[in-house]
Amino acid sequence: MTCRDDILEVIRELVQGRTDQTFGAADVVAGMKARGHQYKELSIRTYVTSTLCAPAPDPTGRRTQDLERVTRGRYRLRDV
């Protein structure tokens, strides 16, 4: 599995049962650490806030648009 796959798996678990279906980068970091993943915190935060996020600028063409930013510091899985 890739870092992206691991992050998305953690996010899917995080939003189960949440009415608003949102989460923050800190939630994902905690979930990844709880699972014993060795990814650096900065890498996880970068994936959540930029690499996986649809509204982020994409000069490299590497954004996956898995997430959308709903408010400052809160994100939601997109239906893609």
C-alpha atoms as a PDB file:
ATOM      1  CA  MET A   1       0.000   0.000   0.000  1.00  0.00           C
ATOM      2  CA  THR A   2       1.052   3.574  -0.593  1.00  0.00           C
ATOM      3  CA  CYS A   3       0.973   6.466   1.847  1.00  0.00           C
ATOM      4  CA  ARG A   4      -2.118   7.731   0.007  1.00  0.00           C
ATOM      5  CA  ASP A   5      -3.867   4.373   0.414  1.00  0.00           C
ATOM      6  CA  ASP A   6      -3.037   4.223   4.122  1.00  0.00           C
ATOM      7  CA  ILE A   7      -4.244   7.784   4.703  1.00  0.00           C
ATOM      8  CA  LEU A   8      -7.516   7.215   2.851  1.00  0.00           C
ATOM      9  CA  GLU A   9      -8.138   4.036   4.848  1.00  0.00           C
ATOM     10  CA  VAL A  10      -7.631   5.921   8.119  1.00  0.00           C
ATOM     11  CA  ILE A  11      -9.895   8.741   6.920  1.00  0.00           C
ATOM     12  CA  ARG A  12     -12.691   6.309   6.026  1.00  0.00           C
ATOM     13  CA  GLU A  13     -12.515   4.895   9.551  1.00  0.00           C
ATOM     14  CA  LEU A  14     -12.448   8.384  11.084  1.00  0.00           C
ATOM     15  CA  VAL A  15     -15.611   9.585   9.363  1.00  0.00           C
ATOM     16  CA  GLN A  16     -17.714   6.512  10.109  1.00  0.00           C
ATOM     17  CA  GLY A  17     -20.532   7.636  12.345  1.00  0.00           C
ATOM     18  CA  ARG A  18     -19.697  11.336  12.099  1.00  0.00           C
ATOM     19  CA  THR A  19     -22.671  13.398  11.046  1.00  0.00           C
ATOM     20  CA  ASP A  20     -20.630  16.051   9.245  1.00  0.00           C
ATOM     21  CA  GLN A  21     -18.140  13.520   7.785  1.00  0.00           C
ATOM     22  CA  THR A  22     -15.251  15.953   8.391  1.00  0.00           C
ATOM     23  CA  PHE A  23     -11.822  15.527   9.940  1.00  0.00           C
ATOM     24  CA  GLY A  24      -8.654  17.495  10.530  1.00  0.00           C
ATOM     25  CA  ALA A  25      -5.048  16.737   9.658  1.00  0.00           C
ATOM     26  CA  ALA A  26      -4.314  16.088  13.346  1.00  0.00           C
ATOM     27  CA  ASP A  27      -7.031  13.396  13.375  1.00  0.00           C
ATOM     28  CA  VAL A  28      -5.345  11.658  10.455  1.00  0.00           C
ATOM     29  CA  VAL A  29      -1.890  11.909  12.046  1.00  0.00           C
ATOM     30  CA  ALA A  30      -3.228  10.370  15.266  1.00  0.00           C
ATOM     31  CA  GLY A  31      -4.982   7.605  13.326  1.00  0.00           C
ATOM     32  CA  MET A  32      -1.845   6.797  11.364  1.00  0.00           C
ATOM     33  CA  LYS A  33       0.282   6.678  14.515  1.00  0.00           C
ATOM     34  CA  ALA A  34      -2.291   4.462  16.264  1.00  0.00           C
ATOM     35  CA  ARG A  35      -1.950   1.981  13.389  1.00  0.00           C
ATOM     36  CA  GLY A  36       1.816   1.998  13.747  1.00  0.00           C
ATOM     37  CA  HIS A  37       2.601   3.636  10.404  1.00  0.00           C
ATOM     38  CA  GLN A  38       6.082   5.120  10.211  1.00  0.00           C
ATOM     39  CA  TYR A  39       5.260   8.043   7.920  1.00  0.00           C
ATOM     40  CA  LYS A  40       6.528  11.405   9.123  1.00  0.00           C
ATOM     41  CA  GLU A  41       3.902  13.748  10.547  1.00  0.00           C
ATOM     42  CA  LEU A  42       4.823  16.442   8.026  1.00  0.00           C
ATOM     43  CA  SER A  43       4.306  13.998   5.140  1.00  0.00           C
ATOM     44  CA  ILE A  44       0.843  13.043   6.402  1.00  0.00           C
ATOM     45  CA  ARG A  45      -0.155  16.685   6.878  1.00  0.00           C
ATOM     46  CA  THR A  46       1.119  17.571   3.390  1.00  0.00           C
ATOM     47  CA  TYR A  47      -0.933  14.782   1.855  1.00  0.00           C
ATOM     48  CA  VAL A  48      -4.097  15.909   3.660  1.00  0.00           C
ATOM     49  CA  THR A  49      -3.740  19.646   3.120  1.00  0.00           C
ATOM     50  CA  SER A  50      -2.285  19.620  -0.377  1.00  0.00           C
ATOM     51  CA  THR A  51      -1.562  16.413  -2.296  1.00  0.00           C
ATOM     52  CA  LEU A  52      -5.011  14.840  -1.791  1.00  0.00           C
ATOM     53  CA  CYS A  53      -6.955  18.098  -1.643  1.00  0.00           C
ATOM     54  CA  ALA A  54      -8.976  19.229  -4.672  1.00  0.00           C
ATOM     55  CA  PRO A  55      -8.847  23.007  -4.213  1.00  0.00           C
ATOM     56  CA  ALA A  56      -5.067  23.084  -3.730  1.00  0.00           C
ATOM     57  CA  PRO A  57      -2.960  24.521  -6.566  1.00  0.00           C
ATOM     58  CA  ASP A  58      -1.516  21.777  -8.765  1.00  0.00           C
ATOM     59  CA  PRO A  59       1.602  22.950 -10.593  1.00  0.00           C
ATOM     60  CA  THR A  60       3.040  19.408 -10.781  1.00  0.00           C
ATOM     61  CA  GLY A  61      -0.083  17.551 -11.898  1.00  0.00           C
ATOM     62  CA  ARG A  62       0.140  15.169  -8.932  1.00  0.00           C
ATOM     63  CA  ARG A  63      -2.959  16.160  -6.965  1.00  0.00           C
ATOM     64  CA  THR A  64      -5.482  13.355  -6.646  1.00  0.00           C
ATOM     65  CA  GLN A  65      -8.517  15.391  -5.523  1.00  0.00           C
ATOM     66  CA  ASP A  66      -9.645  12.776  -2.998  1.00  0.00           C
ATOM     67  CA  LEU A  67     -10.488  15.436  -0.394  1.00  0.00           C
ATOM     68  CA  GLU A  68     -12.155  18.814  -0.263  1.00  0.00           C
ATOM     69  CA  ARG A  69     -11.493  21.570   2.237  1.00  0.00           C
ATOM     70  CA  VAL A  70     -14.789  22.518   3.858  1.00  0.00           C
ATOM     71  CA  THR A  71     -13.467  25.139   6.278  1.00  0.00           C
ATOM     72  CA  ARG A  72     -10.169  26.114   7.826  1.00  0.00           C
ATOM     73  CA  GLY A  73      -8.507  22.929   9.032  1.00  0.00           C
ATOM     74  CA  ARG A  74     -11.468  20.652   8.204  1.00  0.00           C
ATOM     75  CA  TYR A  75     -11.671  18.290   5.249  1.00  0.00           C
ATOM     76  CA  ARG A  76     -14.117  15.788   3.778  1.00  0.00           C
ATOM     77  CA  LEU A  77     -13.783  12.866   1.370  1.00  0.00           C
ATOM     78  CA  ARG A  78     -15.029  13.759  -2.102  1.00  0.00           C
ATOM     79  CA  ASP A  79     -17.381  11.570  -4.079  1.00  0.00           C
ATOM     80  CA  VAL A  80     -15.115  10.964  -7.055  1.00  0.00           C
END
